[in-house]
Protein backbone atom coordinates (compact mmCIF):
# COMPACT_ATOMS: atom_id res chain seq x y z
CA UNK A 1 0.00 0.00 0.00
CA UNK A 2 1.30 3.44 -0.97
CA UNK A 3 0.29 6.78 0.48
CA UNK A 4 0.92 10.09 -1.24
CA UNK A 5 -0.44 13.65 -1.52
CA UNK A 6 -1.96 15.45 -4.51
CA UNK A 7 -1.35 19.13 -4.87
CA UNK A 8 -3.90 20.72 -7.25
CA UNK A 9 -2.21 22.23 -10.27
CA UNK A 10 -3.28 25.01 -12.56
CA UNK A 11 -2.98 24.95 -16.34
CA UNK A 12 -1.47 28.43 -16.44
CA UNK A 13 -1.74 28.83 -20.23
CA UNK A 14 -5.42 27.89 -20.22
CA UNK A 15 -6.14 30.23 -17.30
CA UNK A 16 -4.39 33.13 -19.04
CA UNK A 17 -6.45 32.51 -22.18
CA UNK A 18 -9.73 32.27 -20.32
CA UNK A 19 -9.15 35.33 -18.17
CA UNK A 20 -7.99 37.47 -21.09
CA UNK A 21 -11.02 36.20 -23.04
CA UNK A 22 -13.37 37.32 -20.26
CA UNK A 23 -12.72 40.94 -21.24
CA UNK A 24 -15.18 40.98 -24.13
CA UNK A 25 -15.31 44.78 -24.46
CA UNK A 26 -12.00 46.07 -25.84
CA UNK A 27 -12.66 49.44 -24.17
CA UNK A 28 -11.98 47.72 -20.84
CA UNK A 29 -8.29 48.25 -21.61
CA UNK A 30 -8.95 51.92 -20.78
CA UNK A 31 -10.63 51.11 -17.46
CA UNK A 32 -7.74 48.89 -16.37
CA UNK A 33 -5.10 51.40 -17.45
CA UNK A 34 -6.75 54.19 -15.48
CA UNK A 35 -7.27 52.00 -12.39
CA UNK A 36 -3.61 50.96 -12.34
CA UNK A 37 -2.39 54.54 -12.77
CA UNK A 38 -4.63 55.82 -9.99
CA UNK A 39 -3.54 52.96 -7.71
CA UNK A 40 0.04 54.08 -8.43
CA UNK A 41 -0.79 57.57 -7.17
CA UNK A 42 -0.73 59.26 -10.56
CA UNK A 43 -2.12 62.77 -10.82
CA UNK A 44 -1.76 62.98 -14.61
CA UNK A 45 -2.47 60.19 -17.09
CA UNK A 46 -2.03 60.18 -20.85
CA UNK A 47 -4.05 57.86 -23.08
CA UNK A 48 -2.98 58.20 -26.69
CA UNK A 49 -4.45 56.03 -29.47
CA UNK A 50 -2.69 55.98 -32.82
CA UNK A 51 -2.37 53.91 -35.99
CA UNK A 52 1.19 54.57 -37.20
CA UNK A 53 2.23 53.34 -40.64
CA UNK A 54 4.66 50.44 -40.20
CA UNK A 55 5.82 48.24 -43.09
CA UNK A 56 2.60 48.51 -45.02
CA UNK A 57 0.26 48.13 -42.03
CA UNK A 58 -1.26 50.38 -39.41
CA UNK A 59 -1.17 48.63 -36.02
CA UNK A 60 -3.57 49.94 -33.40
CA UNK A 61 -1.23 51.35 -30.78
CA UNK A 62 -2.13 52.46 -27.27
CA UNK A 63 0.28 54.56 -25.24
CA UNK A 64 -0.44 54.84 -21.51
CA UNK A 65 1.74 57.25 -19.55
CA UNK A 66 1.41 58.36 -15.93
CA UNK A 67 3.40 60.22 -13.28
CA UNK A 68 2.69 57.65 -10.58
CA UNK A 69 5.21 56.02 -8.26
CA UNK A 70 6.38 53.51 -10.89
CA UNK A 71 7.04 49.79 -10.40
CA UNK A 72 9.86 47.84 -8.81
CA UNK A 73 10.82 44.25 -9.70
CA UNK A 74 8.03 42.63 -7.69
CA UNK A 75 5.39 45.03 -9.01
CA UNK A 76 6.52 44.52 -12.60
CA UNK A 77 6.35 40.75 -12.08
CA UNK A 78 2.81 41.19 -10.67
CA UNK A 79 1.87 43.31 -13.69
CA UNK A 80 2.54 40.37 -16.03
CA UNK A 81 1.36 37.67 -13.60
CA UNK A 82 -2.16 36.25 -13.31
CA UNK A 83 -3.83 36.41 -9.90
CA UNK A 84 -0.69 37.70 -8.18
CA UNK A 85 -1.93 41.13 -7.11
CA UNK A 86 0.18 42.96 -4.56
CA UNK A 87 -2.83 45.18 -3.87
CA UNK A 88 -4.96 42.44 -2.35
CA UNK A 89 -6.21 43.47 1.08
CA UNK A 90 -5.60 47.17 0.49
CA UNK A 91 -9.07 48.75 0.63
CA UNK A 92 -7.75 51.93 -0.97
CA UNK A 93 -6.71 50.13 -4.15
CA UNK A 94 -9.00 49.31 -7.08
CA UNK A 95 -7.10 46.31 -8.42
CA UNK A 96 -7.28 43.25 -6.19
CA UNK A 97 -7.47 40.12 -8.36
CA UNK A 98 -4.45 40.52 -10.61
CA UNK A 99 -6.62 39.96 -13.67
CA UNK A 100 -7.11 43.41 -15.15
CA UNK A 101 -3.92 43.86 -17.15
CA UNK A 102 -4.49 40.53 -18.88
CA UNK A 103 -6.78 42.41 -21.24
CA UNK A 104 -3.51 43.88 -22.59
CA UNK A 105 -2.42 40.42 -23.77
CA UNK A 106 -4.68 40.61 -26.84
CA UNK A 107 -1.96 42.33 -28.86
CA UNK A 108 1.26 41.93 -30.86
CA UNK A 109 3.53 43.38 -28.17
CA UNK A 110 3.55 45.01 -24.74
CA UNK A 111 6.39 47.33 -23.82
CA UNK A 112 6.69 48.73 -20.29
CA UNK A 113 9.09 51.46 -19.20
CA UNK A 114 8.84 52.24 -15.51
CA UNK A 115 10.95 54.15 -13.05
CA UNK A 116 10.79 53.98 -9.26
CA UNK A 117 13.32 55.97 -7.28
CA UNK A 118 16.68 55.34 -9.01
CA UNK A 119 15.75 52.08 -10.77
CA UNK A 120 14.45 52.08 -14.32
CA UNK A 121 13.00 48.86 -15.76
CA UNK A 122 12.22 48.18 -19.42
CA UNK A 123 10.18 45.09 -20.26
CA UNK A 124 9.15 43.77 -23.68
CA UNK A 125 6.70 40.91 -24.29
CA UNK A 126 6.29 39.83 -27.91
CA UNK A 127 3.15 38.13 -29.30
CA UNK A 128 1.61 37.24 -25.91
CA UNK A 129 -1.70 36.05 -27.35
CA UNK A 130 -0.06 33.98 -30.10
CA UNK A 131 2.14 32.31 -27.46
CA UNK A 132 -0.88 31.40 -25.36
CA UNK A 133 -2.67 30.04 -28.42
CA UNK A 134 0.39 27.88 -29.08
CA UNK A 135 0.21 26.52 -25.53
CA UNK A 136 3.16 28.50 -24.19
CA UNK A 137 3.40 31.17 -21.53
CA UNK A 138 4.64 34.45 -23.03
CA UNK A 139 7.97 35.76 -21.74
CA UNK A 140 8.85 39.36 -20.98
CA UNK A 141 12.51 40.36 -21.35
CA UNK A 142 13.58 42.99 -18.82
CA UNK A 143 16.45 45.44 -18.81
CA UNK A 144 17.33 47.17 -15.54
CA UNK A 145 19.18 50.46 -15.37
CA UNK A 146 20.37 52.17 -12.23
CA UNK A 147 20.21 55.93 -12.55
CA UNK A 148 20.31 58.97 -10.37
CA UNK A 149 17.13 59.99 -8.60
CA UNK A 150 14.60 61.27 -11.10
CA UNK A 151 10.91 61.57 -11.83
CA UNK A 152 8.98 58.34 -11.24
CA UNK A 153 6.31 57.10 -13.59
CA UNK A 154 5.31 54.43 -16.08
CA UNK A 155 4.83 54.31 -19.84
CA UNK A 156 3.13 51.32 -21.47
CA UNK A 157 2.94 50.82 -25.23
CA UNK A 158 0.54 48.18 -26.56
CA UNK A 159 0.86 47.47 -30.27
CA UNK A 160 -1.52 45.57 -32.51
CA UNK A 161 -4.23 45.61 -29.88
CA UNK A 162 -7.61 43.96 -30.54
CA UNK A 163 -6.32 42.41 -33.76
CA UNK A 164 -6.02 46.00 -35.03
CA UNK A 165 -9.81 46.45 -35.07
CA UNK A 166 -10.02 50.15 -34.34
CA UNK A 167 -13.70 51.12 -34.69
CA UNK A 168 -14.33 51.47 -30.94
CA UNK A 169 -11.45 53.85 -30.29
CA UNK A 170 -12.84 57.11 -31.61
CA UNK A 171 -12.39 60.10 -29.33
CA UNK A 172 -16.02 60.71 -28.33
CA UNK A 173 -16.60 57.04 -27.61
CA UNK A 174 -13.46 56.82 -25.47
CA UNK A 175 -14.34 59.99 -23.59
CA UNK A 176 -17.84 58.73 -22.88
CA UNK A 177 -16.51 55.39 -21.63
CA UNK A 178 -13.97 57.11 -19.37
CA UNK A 179 -16.60 59.38 -17.84
CA UNK A 180 -19.06 56.54 -17.21
CA UNK A 181 -17.17 53.30 -16.64
CA UNK A 182 -13.76 54.06 -15.17
CA UNK A 183 -12.40 55.34 -11.88
CA UNK A 184 -11.74 58.66 -13.56
CA UNK A 185 -15.49 59.04 -14.00
CA UNK A 186 -16.11 58.37 -10.31
CA UNK A 187 -18.99 60.19 -8.60
CA UNK A 188 -17.38 59.85 -5.15
CA UNK A 189 -17.03 63.63 -4.88
CA UNK A 190 -20.77 63.83 -4.14
CA UNK A 191 -20.41 61.86 -0.89
CA UNK A 192 -16.87 62.65 0.31
CA UNK A 193 -14.10 65.14 -0.20
CA UNK A 194 -12.79 63.26 -3.24
CA UNK A 195 -9.03 62.73 -2.97
CA UNK A 196 -8.69 62.43 -6.74
CA UNK A 197 -10.50 65.60 -7.79
CA UNK A 198 -7.33 67.33 -9.03
CA UNK A 199 -6.32 64.48 -11.35
CA UNK A 200 -6.26 65.01 -15.11
CA UNK A 201 -6.30 62.79 -18.18
CA UNK A 202 -4.87 63.74 -21.54
CA UNK A 203 -6.89 61.78 -24.09
CA UNK A 204 -6.50 61.42 -27.84
CA UNK A 205 -8.73 59.08 -29.79
CA UNK A 206 -7.89 57.86 -33.28
CA UNK A 207 -9.96 60.57 -34.98
CA UNK A 208 -8.63 63.43 -32.84
CA UNK A 209 -5.66 65.54 -33.92
CA UNK A 210 -4.71 66.91 -30.50
CA UNK A 211 -5.17 65.46 -27.03
CA UNK A 212 -8.00 66.80 -24.86
CA UNK A 213 -7.58 67.35 -21.13
CA UNK A 214 -10.32 65.76 -19.05
CA UNK A 215 -11.10 66.59 -15.43
CA UNK A 216 -11.80 63.96 -12.80
CA UNK A 217 -15.36 63.06 -11.88
CA UNK A 218 -18.67 62.00 -13.36
CA UNK A 219 -20.73 64.75 -14.96
CA UNK A 220 -24.00 65.61 -13.24
CA UNK A 221 -26.16 68.52 -14.43
CA UNK A 222 -27.00 71.51 -12.27
CA UNK A 223 -30.30 71.25 -10.46
CA UNK A 224 -33.12 73.21 -12.08
CA UNK A 225 -34.78 76.34 -10.77
CA UNK A 226 -38.07 76.35 -8.84
CA UNK A 227 -40.82 74.52 -10.71
CA UNK A 228 -43.03 77.60 -11.16
CA UNK A 229 -40.17 79.53 -12.74
CA UNK A 230 -39.28 76.47 -14.81
CA UNK A 231 -42.84 76.24 -16.12
CA UNK A 232 -42.99 79.93 -16.88
CA UNK A 233 -39.78 79.69 -18.91
CA UNK A 234 -40.37 76.45 -20.80
CA UNK A 235 -44.16 75.85 -20.51
CA UNK A 236 -44.96 72.49 -22.19
CA UNK A 237 -41.28 71.57 -22.32
CA UNK A 238 -40.73 72.22 -18.60
CA UNK A 239 -40.61 68.50 -17.59
CA UNK A 240 -37.74 68.03 -20.06
CA UNK A 241 -35.69 70.68 -18.21
CA UNK A 242 -36.40 69.42 -14.68
CA UNK A 243 -33.48 68.20 -12.54
CA UNK A 244 -33.30 67.33 -8.83
CA UNK A 245 -30.68 65.25 -7.02
CA UNK A 246 -31.11 62.98 -4.01
CA UNK A 247 -28.02 61.67 -2.16
CA UNK A 248 -28.31 58.91 0.45
CA UNK A 249 -25.90 56.90 2.57
CA UNK A 250 -26.71 54.04 4.91
CA UNK A 251 -26.01 50.52 6.08
CA UNK A 252 -27.56 47.22 5.11
CA UNK A 253 -30.26 45.81 7.40
CA UNK A 254 -28.75 42.34 7.93
CA UNK A 255 -25.16 43.56 7.53
CA UNK A 256 -24.87 46.74 9.62
CA UNK A 257 -21.11 46.87 8.98
CA UNK A 258 -21.67 47.15 5.23
CA UNK A 259 -22.17 50.69 3.99
CA UNK A 260 -23.64 51.98 0.76
CA UNK A 261 -23.79 55.38 -0.90
CA UNK A 262 -26.36 56.36 -3.49
CA UNK A 263 -27.14 59.26 -5.78
CA UNK A 264 -30.40 59.58 -7.70
CA UNK A 265 -30.48 62.42 -10.21
CA UNK A 266 -34.01 62.85 -11.59
CA UNK A 267 -33.60 64.38 -15.04
CA UNK A 268 -35.74 65.37 -17.99
CA UNK A 269 -34.58 64.45 -21.48
CA UNK A 270 -33.42 67.98 -22.40
CA UNK A 271 -31.28 68.06 -19.28
CA UNK A 272 -29.62 64.80 -20.30
CA UNK A 273 -29.06 66.02 -23.84
CA UNK A 274 -27.40 69.25 -22.66
CA UNK A 275 -24.51 67.42 -20.96
CA UNK A 276 -24.47 64.11 -22.85
CA UNK A 277 -23.65 64.54 -26.54
CA UNK A 278 -23.80 60.77 -27.09
CA UNK A 279 -27.59 60.60 -26.79
CA UNK A 280 -29.39 59.88 -30.04
CA UNK A 281 -32.52 61.89 -30.81
CA UNK A 282 -34.43 63.06 -33.89
CA UNK A 283 -32.81 65.86 -35.86
CA UNK A 284 -29.39 65.41 -34.22
CA UNK A 285 -26.35 63.80 -35.78
CA UNK A 286 -24.80 61.96 -32.84
CA UNK A 287 -21.17 60.79 -32.70
CA UNK A 288 -20.24 57.21 -33.48
CA UNK A 289 -21.15 54.94 -30.62
CA UNK A 290 -24.22 56.99 -29.64
CA UNK A 291 -27.01 55.38 -27.64
CA UNK A 292 -30.53 56.06 -26.35
CA UNK A 293 -31.67 57.03 -22.85
CA UNK A 294 -33.06 53.51 -22.46
CA UNK A 295 -29.66 52.02 -23.32
CA UNK A 296 -27.69 53.92 -20.69
CA UNK A 297 -29.77 55.45 -17.90
CA UNK A 298 -31.35 53.94 -14.81
CA UNK A 299 -29.83 52.54 -11.60
CA UNK A 300 -26.23 51.28 -11.70
CA UNK A 301 -24.58 49.18 -9.02
CA UNK A 302 -21.01 50.39 -8.41
CA UNK A 303 -17.83 49.38 -6.65
CA UNK A 304 -14.97 51.86 -6.16
CA UNK A 305 -17.62 54.30 -7.48
CA UNK A 306 -17.26 52.63 -10.89
CA UNK A 307 -20.56 51.42 -12.43
CA UNK A 308 -20.70 47.63 -12.84
CA UNK A 309 -24.22 46.66 -13.95
CA UNK A 310 -27.69 48.17 -14.20
CA UNK A 311 -30.51 47.07 -11.92
CA UNK A 312 -33.46 48.89 -13.46
CA UNK A 313 -35.81 46.12 -12.45
CA UNK A 314 -35.37 47.30 -8.86
CA UNK A 315 -37.23 50.55 -9.58
CA UNK A 316 -39.58 49.58 -12.40
CA UNK A 317 -43.27 49.15 -11.66
CA UNK A 318 -44.68 50.43 -14.96
CA UNK A 319 -41.80 49.70 -17.30
CA UNK A 320 -40.18 53.05 -18.01
CA UNK A 321 -39.58 54.87 -14.72
CA UNK A 322 -35.86 54.13 -14.95
CA UNK A 323 -35.48 56.56 -17.89
CA UNK A 324 -35.98 59.48 -15.48
CA UNK A 325 -33.08 58.33 -13.28
CA UNK A 326 -29.36 58.97 -13.59
CA UNK A 327 -28.56 56.91 -10.50
CA UNK A 328 -25.68 55.01 -8.89
CA UNK A 329 -25.45 52.87 -5.76
CA UNK A 330 -21.94 52.11 -4.47
CA UNK A 331 -21.03 49.26 -2.14
CA UNK A 332 -17.44 48.23 -1.48
CA UNK A 333 -18.54 44.75 -0.36
CA UNK A 334 -19.69 43.71 -3.82
CA UNK A 335 -17.72 40.72 -5.15
CA UNK A 336 -17.11 41.05 -8.87
CA UNK A 337 -16.38 38.62 -11.66
CA UNK A 338 -12.86 38.51 -13.10
CA UNK A 339 -13.63 41.11 -15.75
CA UNK A 340 -15.51 43.42 -13.33
CA UNK A 341 -18.56 43.05 -15.54
CA UNK A 342 -20.98 41.59 -13.01
CA UNK A 343 -21.80 41.38 -9.31
CA UNK A 344 -22.69 37.71 -9.70
CA UNK A 345 -20.06 36.62 -7.17
CA UNK A 346 -21.70 38.71 -4.43
CA UNK A 347 -23.51 36.96 -1.59
CA UNK A 348 -27.22 36.84 -2.41
CA UNK A 349 -28.26 38.26 0.96
CA UNK A 350 -26.11 41.37 0.39
CA UNK A 351 -27.71 41.96 -3.02
CA UNK A 352 -31.17 41.44 -1.52
CA UNK A 353 -30.48 44.03 1.17
CA UNK A 354 -29.12 46.47 -1.41
CA UNK A 355 -32.23 45.96 -3.52
CA UNK A 356 -34.41 46.69 -0.49
CA UNK A 357 -32.49 49.92 0.16
CA UNK A 358 -32.78 51.02 -3.48
CA UNK A 359 -36.51 50.33 -3.51
CA UNK A 360 -36.93 52.34 -0.32
CA UNK A 361 -35.04 55.29 -1.83
CA UNK A 362 -37.24 55.04 -4.92
CA UNK A 363 -40.43 54.90 -2.86
CA UNK A 364 -39.28 57.90 -0.82
CA UNK A 365 -38.61 59.81 -4.04
CA UNK A 366 -41.99 59.12 -5.63
CA UNK A 367 -43.71 59.99 -2.34
CA UNK A 368 -41.64 63.14 -1.87
CA UNK A 369 -41.37 66.63 -3.27
CA UNK A 370 -39.17 65.63 -6.23
CA UNK A 371 -41.77 63.36 -7.79
CA UNK A 372 -44.66 65.67 -6.91
CA UNK A 373 -42.79 68.49 -8.64
CA UNK A 374 -42.20 66.63 -11.88
CA UNK A 375 -45.73 65.20 -11.76
CA UNK A 376 -47.08 68.75 -11.36
CA UNK A 377 -44.97 69.93 -14.27
CA UNK A 378 -46.16 67.09 -16.48
CA UNK A 379 -49.79 67.73 -15.52
CA UNK A 380 -49.50 71.47 -16.15
CA UNK A 381 -47.64 70.90 -19.40
CA UNK A 382 -50.25 68.36 -20.48
CA UNK A 383 -53.08 70.76 -19.67
CA UNK A 384 -51.32 73.58 -21.51
CA UNK A 385 -50.62 71.32 -24.45
CA UNK A 386 -54.28 70.26 -24.54
CA UNK A 387 -55.38 73.90 -24.38
CA UNK A 388 -52.96 74.87 -27.15
CA UNK A 389 -54.08 71.91 -29.23
CA UNK A 390 -57.71 72.90 -28.78
CA UNK A 391 -56.90 76.43 -29.91
CA UNK A 392 -55.08 75.12 -32.98
CA UNK A 393 -57.87 72.62 -33.71
CA UNK A 394 -60.48 75.36 -33.39
CA UNK A 395 -58.58 77.64 -35.73
CA UNK A 396 -58.09 74.77 -38.19
CA UNK A 397 -61.77 73.85 -38.07
CA UNK A 398 -62.78 77.47 -38.56
CA UNK A 399 -60.70 77.58 -41.73
CA UNK A 400 -62.16 74.27 -42.85
CA UNK A 401 -65.72 75.45 -42.17
CA UNK A 402 -65.20 78.67 -44.13
CA UNK A 403 -63.77 76.68 -47.02
CA UNK A 404 -66.38 73.90 -47.03
CA UNK A 405 -68.56 73.03 -49.99
CA UNK A 406 -72.25 73.54 -49.26
CA UNK A 407 -75.67 73.24 -50.88
CA UNK A 408 -79.06 74.73 -49.98
CA UNK A 409 -82.04 72.43 -49.43
CA UNK A 410 -85.46 73.44 -48.16
CA UNK A 411 -84.06 76.66 -46.73
CA UNK A 412 -81.25 74.90 -44.89
CA UNK A 413 -77.51 74.76 -45.56
CA UNK A 414 -76.05 71.29 -46.09
CA UNK A 415 -72.30 70.87 -45.62
CA UNK A 416 -70.32 68.41 -47.74
CA UNK A 417 -68.82 65.84 -45.35
CA UNK A 418 -65.08 65.25 -45.09
CA UNK A 419 -65.15 62.29 -42.75
CA UNK A 420 -67.50 59.63 -41.40
CA UNK A 421 -68.92 61.86 -38.67
CA UNK A 422 -69.87 64.38 -41.36
CA UNK A 423 -71.86 61.71 -43.20
CA UNK A 424 -73.65 60.97 -39.94
CA UNK A 425 -74.61 64.63 -39.49
CA UNK A 426 -75.72 65.03 -43.10
CA UNK A 427 -77.90 61.90 -42.95
CA UNK A 428 -79.64 63.06 -39.78
CA UNK A 429 -80.21 66.51 -41.30
CA UNK A 430 -81.66 65.10 -44.54
CA UNK A 431 -83.86 62.55 -42.78
CA UNK A 432 -85.26 65.33 -40.58
CA UNK A 433 -85.99 67.68 -43.48
CA UNK A 434 -87.53 65.03 -45.75
CA UNK A 435 -88.41 61.64 -44.24
CA UNK A 436 -89.18 60.23 -47.71
CA UNK A 437 -85.59 60.50 -48.96
CA UNK A 438 -84.58 57.12 -47.49
CA UNK A 439 -86.55 53.87 -47.18
CA UNK A 440 -85.81 53.60 -43.47
CA UNK A 441 -86.54 55.42 -40.25
CA UNK A 442 -83.74 55.90 -37.72
CA UNK A 443 -84.79 54.69 -34.27
CA UNK A 444 -81.46 54.75 -32.39
CA UNK A 445 -78.56 57.15 -32.92
CA UNK A 446 -76.29 55.91 -30.12
CA UNK A 447 -73.26 53.84 -31.08
CA UNK A 448 -70.30 52.23 -29.32
CA UNK A 449 -68.46 50.54 -32.20
CA UNK A 450 -68.15 52.98 -35.08
CA UNK A 451 -70.63 55.35 -36.72
CA UNK A 452 -73.82 53.43 -37.43
CA UNK A 453 -77.51 53.69 -36.56
CA UNK A 454 -80.36 51.27 -35.93
CA UNK A 455 -83.36 51.69 -38.22
CA UNK A 456 -86.66 50.13 -39.24
CA UNK A 457 -88.77 50.31 -42.37
CA UNK A 458 -90.55 53.59 -43.13
CA UNK A 459 -94.04 52.37 -42.17
CA UNK A 460 -96.50 52.90 -39.31
CA UNK A 461 -95.58 49.63 -37.56
CA UNK A 462 -94.41 50.35 -33.96
CA UNK A 463 -90.74 49.80 -33.15
CA UNK A 464 -91.64 47.00 -30.73
CA UNK A 465 -93.12 44.99 -33.62
CA UNK A 466 -90.72 46.00 -36.37
CA UNK A 467 -87.73 44.24 -37.79
CA UNK A 468 -84.66 46.29 -36.83
CA UNK A 469 -81.34 46.44 -38.65
CA UNK A 470 -78.12 48.42 -38.97
CA UNK A 471 -77.52 51.28 -41.35
CA UNK A 472 -73.74 51.41 -41.72
CA UNK A 473 -72.16 54.82 -42.36
CA UNK A 474 -68.90 55.40 -44.23
CA UNK A 475 -67.21 58.45 -45.64
CA UNK A 476 -65.53 56.53 -48.45
CA UNK A 477 -66.84 53.03 -49.07
CA UNK A 478 -64.11 50.57 -50.07
CA UNK A 479 -63.70 46.87 -50.75
CA UNK A 480 -62.94 45.98 -47.13
CA UNK A 481 -65.66 46.25 -44.47
CA UNK A 482 -64.70 46.48 -40.81
CA UNK A 483 -68.14 45.14 -39.79
CA UNK A 484 -70.07 42.00 -40.65
CA UNK A 485 -72.71 42.03 -43.40
CA UNK A 486 -75.02 40.36 -40.88
CA UNK A 487 -77.78 42.70 -39.66
CA UNK A 488 -76.83 45.46 -42.17
CA UNK A 489 -79.65 46.45 -44.55
CA UNK A 490 -78.28 49.75 -45.88
CA UNK A 491 -74.95 51.54 -46.26
CA UNK A 492 -74.79 55.34 -46.50
CA UNK A 493 -71.53 56.89 -47.75
CA UNK A 494 -70.36 60.04 -49.44
CA UNK A 495 -68.44 58.30 -52.23
CA UNK A 496 -67.09 54.87 -53.20
CA UNK A 497 -64.16 53.35 -55.05
CA UNK A 498 -65.88 50.00 -55.63
CA UNK A 499 -66.62 49.37 -59.29
CA UNK A 500 -69.42 47.37 -60.89
CA UNK A 501 -68.98 43.67 -60.07
CA UNK A 502 -66.27 44.63 -57.62
CA UNK A 503 -65.81 42.31 -54.63
CA UNK A 504 -66.45 43.55 -51.09
CA UNK A 505 -65.28 41.46 -48.11
CA UNK A 506 -66.54 41.91 -44.55
CA UNK A 507 -64.76 41.34 -41.25
CA UNK A 508 -65.78 37.68 -41.19
CA UNK A 509 -64.52 37.16 -44.76
CA UNK A 510 -67.99 36.98 -46.29
CA UNK A 511 -68.02 38.24 -49.86
CA UNK A 512 -70.51 40.21 -51.90
CA UNK A 513 -70.36 41.81 -55.34
CA UNK A 514 -71.22 45.42 -56.04
CA UNK A 515 -73.96 45.79 -58.64
CA UNK A 516 -74.37 49.30 -60.06
CA UNK A 517 -77.63 50.02 -61.90
CA UNK A 518 -77.60 53.16 -64.09
CA UNK A 519 -80.41 55.71 -63.70
CA UNK A 520 -83.46 55.61 -65.98
CA UNK A 521 -84.17 59.14 -67.28
CA UNK A 522 -87.76 58.16 -68.21
CA UNK A 523 -88.90 57.62 -64.63
CA UNK A 524 -86.40 59.96 -62.94
CA UNK A 525 -84.61 57.22 -61.06
CA UNK A 526 -81.07 57.53 -59.68
CA UNK A 527 -77.96 55.33 -59.91
CA UNK A 528 -78.48 52.30 -57.71
CA UNK A 529 -75.68 50.59 -55.77
CA UNK A 530 -76.31 47.11 -54.33
CA UNK A 531 -74.14 44.57 -52.52
CA UNK A 532 -75.46 41.22 -53.67
CA UNK A 533 -74.89 37.66 -52.58
CA UNK A 534 -77.88 36.68 -54.74
CA UNK A 535 -80.83 38.58 -56.11
CA UNK A 536 -82.88 37.79 -53.01
CA UNK A 537 -80.23 39.06 -50.57
CA UNK A 538 -78.86 42.52 -51.08
CA UNK A 539 -77.67 45.55 -49.17
CA UNK A 540 -78.51 48.89 -50.76
CA UNK A 541 -75.72 51.49 -50.78
CA UNK A 542 -76.65 55.17 -50.88
CA UNK A 543 -73.75 57.11 -52.42
CA UNK A 544 -74.80 60.60 -51.33
CA UNK A 545 -72.57 62.42 -53.80
CA UNK A 546 -74.52 60.83 -56.70
CA UNK A 547 -77.85 60.34 -54.93
CA UNK A 548 -78.35 63.97 -53.90
CA UNK A 549 -77.32 65.28 -57.32
CA UNK A 550 -79.50 62.88 -59.33
CA UNK A 551 -82.56 62.84 -57.05
CA UNK A 552 -82.58 66.44 -55.78
CA UNK A 553 -80.31 68.26 -58.20
CA UNK A 554 -78.00 69.30 -55.36
CA UNK A 555 -74.42 70.21 -56.17
CA UNK A 556 -72.02 71.20 -53.41
CA UNK A 557 -70.01 74.30 -54.21
CA UNK A 558 -67.65 76.52 -52.19
CA UNK A 559 -69.59 78.38 -49.52
CA UNK A 560 -69.14 81.80 -51.09
CA UNK A 561 -70.91 80.73 -54.31
CA UNK A 562 -73.39 78.24 -52.93
CA UNK A 563 -76.35 77.51 -55.21
CA UNK A 564 -79.84 77.77 -53.70
CA UNK A 565 -82.57 75.29 -54.41
């Protein structure tokens, strides 16, 4: 019998490949570069993206330069290592897993020049990703130089990054990513003094000629003026210019030692558009990489005051409330995945408590002055908009009325209809002036499913004993009916496009053919329109445009030259 121990081993090459592959968004190279520079105490960081011409190609090249404390031998080793972070346990540092810089490995070469005190180290790693694909760990060659005391700092050059696919690295897209998803875009200054507030970044995207200096901190808009003044200035657009900010800090119910900080900025769309040029909207040519409010805004969980993932479902009860919020909730006890893309490694109870806190903040907001203010603005704007619309509608209808075609009949003015409701009014007017014009008597004018009436035959039989049926009204009668032929005896319309022997189909797919009978001048008859299934079953169609002209001699002319009868 033999006894021995097994020490678990790690396939280092496979682990490097998997971890570097976890960083699916190439822009994460920017987040990791900024985090490392800030952890090194840098106050100025340069991020320069170029595509220099080299031997017939243009490799995507990223230069990262900072004035931090630099790296010594152990720190340089940790930079290239996997899972060997010297920052682990230091709550003031962002990096803790030793995974972040592995996103750099997706390149043709990594060159590091770093100086700490009087030691300068130069490291070069060629084809790291190709080496890993070949099953070998990449090797960095290092040259050490001892110099006199000088300025510390680090410069990293990454060539051939992301297989030279450069679309994502335009200036506006990079700037937006920095201000939203990196430590440099931290919103910590809202809840503490902000030790990094004096830091600067010099950024140059591929489509930018000169670097732009960026200031530290996430951009929040100024809060808006009092709601009455806001309404007086913007009227119906006032809700779009509303902005109020709520800042909360607290501890979790089941974990009193765990703290959270939260900021909820309640913003109208115009407020967002004023500070965020990446928002798409009609009539605006947005930069490449632009997005909608729905794509970006809502409630973000954060660690190190860097947004990790959205949790809009925590504040949604109707489906779109999150679009009003520009909100972040920070908790340093969140456990993140290797690529910092998810809080999935966090204990469920901690997330549940955070969710409860967020929901309480949301409920306090909608029950408080902030929500009442924006609700008041929206109500007032809606009322104003309705009033303005009514004024415009009234003016429009006045113009239409003055320009209508009319005819005179029995001392009354008839107005040519322009929609179904006009046909309804004209029919009622005609039937009142001359009951003999139509072979039916209207007995019910009320309707709940379109413009139609209930009628009976024009005879002395009481309604209680009569056969009742629908008279369907249309402005323009076409080949598709949105009602069933069942129970319809007559159709009254202003005009029709259905030709002789044309097919008409009802809502239940029943078919009838239009039969058009020409008028007989000898007996003074008018053109007859009939929907026939057979000669025993037909629906008569009164086309008022023809019927009134042929039977009564009425022609509708502009009101100013109306012809009297």
